[in-house]
Amino acid sequence: MSQPFDPSAIFGGGAGGDNPMAGLLAQAQQMQAQLLAAQNEIAAAEITGTAGNGLVTVTGTGAGEITSVTIDPKVVDPDDVDTLQDLVLGALDDLAGKRDALAQDKMGPLAGGLGGGFPGLG
């Protein structure tokens, strides 16, 4: 008769020994909780993009929702709609860049932590 498979022979643990996989699982669960907290913080953040030295501002959330657009009346010229459109696009682009920077700031340390415990992710 053959012996039954004993995972502790591969992963350690078993009769009174420590199981390194349990530690790795706990580390992964902790990182998952930190990742979720960072995602929630990013989604709740209010970010403002501007263009034309503040003549156009676009405010939104880290989740990508646009919550307001403000346009200074002095930039509204019916004969020059192209400039206004460019300013709105510029403010949206500024908002997107700030959202990306916020995500990198909050998620960067967590992404770096993945490489330490998981082969192929670092």
C-alpha atoms as a PDB file:
ATOM      1  CA  MET A   1       0.000   0.000   0.000  1.00  0.00           C
ATOM      2  CA  SER A   2       1.186   3.511  -0.748  1.00  0.00           C
ATOM      3  CA  GLN A   3       1.339   6.313   1.768  1.00  0.00           C
ATOM      4  CA  PRO A   4      -1.398   9.018   1.613  1.00  0.00           C
ATOM      5  CA  PHE A   5      -0.338  12.411   0.292  1.00  0.00           C
ATOM      6  CA  ASP A   6       1.043  14.636   3.027  1.00  0.00           C
ATOM      7  CA  PRO A   7       1.093  18.328   2.006  1.00  0.00           C
ATOM      8  CA  SER A   8       3.316  19.161   4.965  1.00  0.00           C
ATOM      9  CA  ALA A   9       6.102  17.320   3.164  1.00  0.00           C
ATOM     10  CA  ILE A  10       6.019  20.115   0.563  1.00  0.00           C
ATOM     11  CA  PHE A  11       4.772  23.122   2.523  1.00  0.00           C
ATOM     12  CA  GLY A  12       6.012  22.336   6.009  1.00  0.00           C
ATOM     13  CA  GLY A  13       3.794  22.195   9.031  1.00  0.00           C
ATOM     14  CA  GLY A  14       1.975  19.135  10.159  1.00  0.00           C
ATOM     15  CA  ALA A  15       2.778  17.590  13.512  1.00  0.00           C
ATOM     16  CA  GLY A  16       3.513  20.703  15.550  1.00  0.00           C
ATOM     17  CA  GLY A  17       5.431  22.482  12.734  1.00  0.00           C
ATOM     18  CA  ASP A  18       4.776  25.906  11.258  1.00  0.00           C
ATOM     19  CA  ASN A  19       3.094  26.070   7.896  1.00  0.00           C
ATOM     20  CA  PRO A  20       4.739  28.773   5.758  1.00  0.00           C
ATOM     21  CA  MET A  21       1.728  28.732   3.430  1.00  0.00           C
ATOM     22  CA  ALA A  22      -0.457  29.942   6.305  1.00  0.00           C
ATOM     23  CA  GLY A  23       1.842  32.948   6.718  1.00  0.00           C
ATOM     24  CA  LEU A  24       1.757  33.627   3.004  1.00  0.00           C
ATOM     25  CA  LEU A  25      -2.038  33.411   3.006  1.00  0.00           C
ATOM     26  CA  ALA A  26      -2.246  35.840   5.926  1.00  0.00           C
ATOM     27  CA  GLN A  27       0.091  38.224   4.083  1.00  0.00           C
ATOM     28  CA  ALA A  28      -2.056  38.006   0.943  1.00  0.00           C
ATOM     29  CA  GLN A  29      -5.236  38.688   2.943  1.00  0.00           C
ATOM     30  CA  GLN A  30      -3.608  41.709   4.602  1.00  0.00           C
ATOM     31  CA  MET A  31      -2.493  43.061   1.217  1.00  0.00           C
ATOM     32  CA  GLN A  32      -5.993  42.501  -0.159  1.00  0.00           C
ATOM     33  CA  ALA A  33      -7.467  44.541   2.716  1.00  0.00           C
ATOM     34  CA  GLN A  34      -4.917  47.327   2.120  1.00  0.00           C
ATOM     35  CA  LEU A  35      -5.694  47.292  -1.605  1.00  0.00           C
ATOM     36  CA  LEU A  36      -9.432  47.576  -0.966  1.00  0.00           C
ATOM     37  CA  ALA A  37      -8.867  50.449   1.480  1.00  0.00           C
ATOM     38  CA  ALA A  38      -6.687  52.269  -1.066  1.00  0.00           C
ATOM     39  CA  GLN A  39      -9.278  51.749  -3.818  1.00  0.00           C
ATOM     40  CA  ASN A  40     -12.015  53.142  -1.571  1.00  0.00           C
ATOM     41  CA  GLU A  41      -9.864  56.144  -0.654  1.00  0.00           C
ATOM     42  CA  ILE A  42      -9.163  56.860  -4.324  1.00  0.00           C
ATOM     43  CA  ALA A  43     -12.839  56.530  -5.290  1.00  0.00           C
ATOM     44  CA  ALA A  44     -13.917  58.923  -2.527  1.00  0.00           C
ATOM     45  CA  ALA A  45     -11.280  61.557  -3.306  1.00  0.00           C
ATOM     46  CA  GLU A  46     -12.382  64.845  -4.888  1.00  0.00           C
ATOM     47  CA  ILE A  47     -10.016  66.051  -7.598  1.00  0.00           C
ATOM     48  CA  THR A  48     -10.065  69.295  -9.594  1.00  0.00           C
ATOM     49  CA  GLY A  49      -8.528  69.843 -13.009  1.00  0.00           C
ATOM     50  CA  THR A  50      -8.008  73.333 -14.380  1.00  0.00           C
ATOM     51  CA  ALA A  51      -7.133  75.065 -17.625  1.00  0.00           C
ATOM     52  CA  GLY A  52      -6.555  78.648 -18.715  1.00  0.00           C
ATOM     53  CA  ASN A  53      -5.225  79.729 -15.319  1.00  0.00           C
ATOM     54  CA  GLY A  54      -8.437  78.656 -13.638  1.00  0.00           C
ATOM     55  CA  LEU A  55     -10.868  79.963 -16.251  1.00  0.00           C
ATOM     56  CA  VAL A  56     -12.229  76.419 -16.620  1.00  0.00           C
ATOM     57  CA  THR A  57     -12.334  73.916 -13.766  1.00  0.00           C
ATOM     58  CA  VAL A  58     -13.597  70.351 -13.793  1.00  0.00           C
ATOM     59  CA  THR A  59     -14.161  68.539 -10.509  1.00  0.00           C
ATOM     60  CA  GLY A  60     -14.633  64.812 -10.168  1.00  0.00           C
ATOM     61  CA  THR A  61     -14.013  61.774  -8.053  1.00  0.00           C
ATOM     62  CA  GLY A  62     -11.137  59.341  -8.121  1.00  0.00           C
ATOM     63  CA  ALA A  63     -13.594  56.804  -9.525  1.00  0.00           C
ATOM     64  CA  GLY A  64     -13.945  58.896 -12.694  1.00  0.00           C
ATOM     65  CA  GLU A  65     -17.279  60.598 -12.042  1.00  0.00           C
ATOM     66  CA  ILE A  66     -17.403  64.251 -13.159  1.00  0.00           C
ATOM     67  CA  THR A  67     -19.250  66.203 -10.469  1.00  0.00           C
ATOM     68  CA  SER A  68     -19.015  69.782 -11.734  1.00  0.00           C
ATOM     69  CA  VAL A  69     -17.750  72.029 -14.504  1.00  0.00           C
ATOM     70  CA  THR A  70     -17.159  75.738 -13.903  1.00  0.00           C
ATOM     71  CA  ILE A  71     -16.520  78.184 -16.744  1.00  0.00           C
ATOM     72  CA  ASP A  72     -15.590  81.794 -16.082  1.00  0.00           C
ATOM     73  CA  PRO A  73     -17.980  84.007 -18.115  1.00  0.00           C
ATOM     74  CA  LYS A  74     -15.121  86.068 -19.534  1.00  0.00           C
ATOM     75  CA  VAL A  75     -13.922  83.045 -21.526  1.00  0.00           C
ATOM     76  CA  VAL A  76     -17.329  82.579 -23.178  1.00  0.00           C
ATOM     77  CA  ASP A  77     -17.093  84.165 -26.614  1.00  0.00           C
ATOM     78  CA  PRO A  78     -19.685  83.066 -29.190  1.00  0.00           C
ATOM     79  CA  ASP A  79     -17.197  83.902 -31.944  1.00  0.00           C
ATOM     80  CA  ASP A  80     -14.464  81.697 -30.401  1.00  0.00           C
ATOM     81  CA  VAL A  81     -16.081  78.464 -29.294  1.00  0.00           C
ATOM     82  CA  ASP A  82     -12.921  76.538 -30.235  1.00  0.00           C
ATOM     83  CA  THR A  83     -10.938  78.133 -27.407  1.00  0.00           C
ATOM     84  CA  LEU A  84     -13.618  77.251 -24.862  1.00  0.00           C
ATOM     85  CA  GLN A  85     -13.712  73.672 -26.124  1.00  0.00           C
ATOM     86  CA  ASP A  86      -9.923  73.448 -25.866  1.00  0.00           C
ATOM     87  CA  LEU A  87     -10.027  74.776 -22.308  1.00  0.00           C
ATOM     88  CA  VAL A  88     -12.659  72.205 -21.288  1.00  0.00           C
ATOM     89  CA  LEU A  89     -10.576  69.414 -22.823  1.00  0.00           C
ATOM     90  CA  GLY A  90      -7.484  70.762 -21.079  1.00  0.00           C
ATOM     91  CA  ALA A  91      -9.249  70.776 -17.716  1.00  0.00           C
ATOM     92  CA  LEU A  92     -10.500  67.216 -18.271  1.00  0.00           C
ATOM     93  CA  ASP A  93      -6.980  66.123 -19.200  1.00  0.00           C
ATOM     94  CA  ASP A  94      -5.583  67.809 -16.081  1.00  0.00           C
ATOM     95  CA  LEU A  95      -8.216  66.047 -13.969  1.00  0.00           C
ATOM     96  CA  ALA A  96      -7.323  62.666 -15.506  1.00  0.00           C
ATOM     97  CA  GLY A  97      -3.615  63.243 -14.865  1.00  0.00           C
ATOM     98  CA  LYS A  98      -4.256  64.133 -11.232  1.00  0.00           C
ATOM     99  CA  ARG A  99      -6.505  61.061 -10.834  1.00  0.00           C
ATOM    100  CA  ASP A 100      -3.749  58.843 -12.269  1.00  0.00           C
ATOM    101  CA  ALA A 101      -1.171  60.420  -9.955  1.00  0.00           C
ATOM    102  CA  LEU A 102      -3.438  59.835  -6.949  1.00  0.00           C
ATOM    103  CA  ALA A 103      -3.933  56.185  -7.938  1.00  0.00           C
ATOM    104  CA  GLN A 104      -0.184  55.704  -8.398  1.00  0.00           C
ATOM    105  CA  ASP A 105       0.494  57.349  -5.039  1.00  0.00           C
ATOM    106  CA  LYS A 106      -2.019  55.147  -3.197  1.00  0.00           C
ATOM    107  CA  MET A 107      -1.550  51.898  -5.123  1.00  0.00           C
ATOM    108  CA  GLY A 108       2.169  52.081  -5.950  1.00  0.00           C
ATOM    109  CA  PRO A 109       3.403  50.856  -2.558  1.00  0.00           C
ATOM    110  CA  LEU A 110       0.899  47.984  -2.642  1.00  0.00           C
ATOM    111  CA  ALA A 111       1.911  46.913  -6.140  1.00  0.00           C
ATOM    112  CA  GLY A 112       5.547  46.943  -5.035  1.00  0.00           C
ATOM    113  CA  GLY A 113       4.661  44.672  -2.145  1.00  0.00           C
ATOM    114  CA  LEU A 114       3.337  41.975  -4.441  1.00  0.00           C
ATOM    115  CA  GLY A 115       6.779  41.130  -5.774  1.00  0.00           C
ATOM    116  CA  GLY A 116       8.143  40.180  -2.373  1.00  0.00           C
ATOM    117  CA  GLY A 117       5.900  37.202  -1.742  1.00  0.00           C
ATOM    118  CA  PHE A 118       4.674  36.051  -5.117  1.00  0.00           C
ATOM    119  CA  PRO A 119       7.113  34.754  -7.717  1.00  0.00           C
ATOM    120  CA  GLY A 120       6.658  36.297 -11.133  1.00  0.00           C
ATOM    121  CA  LEU A 121       4.972  39.477  -9.837  1.00  0.00           C
ATOM    122  CA  GLY A 122       8.045  41.435  -8.891  1.00  0.00           C
END
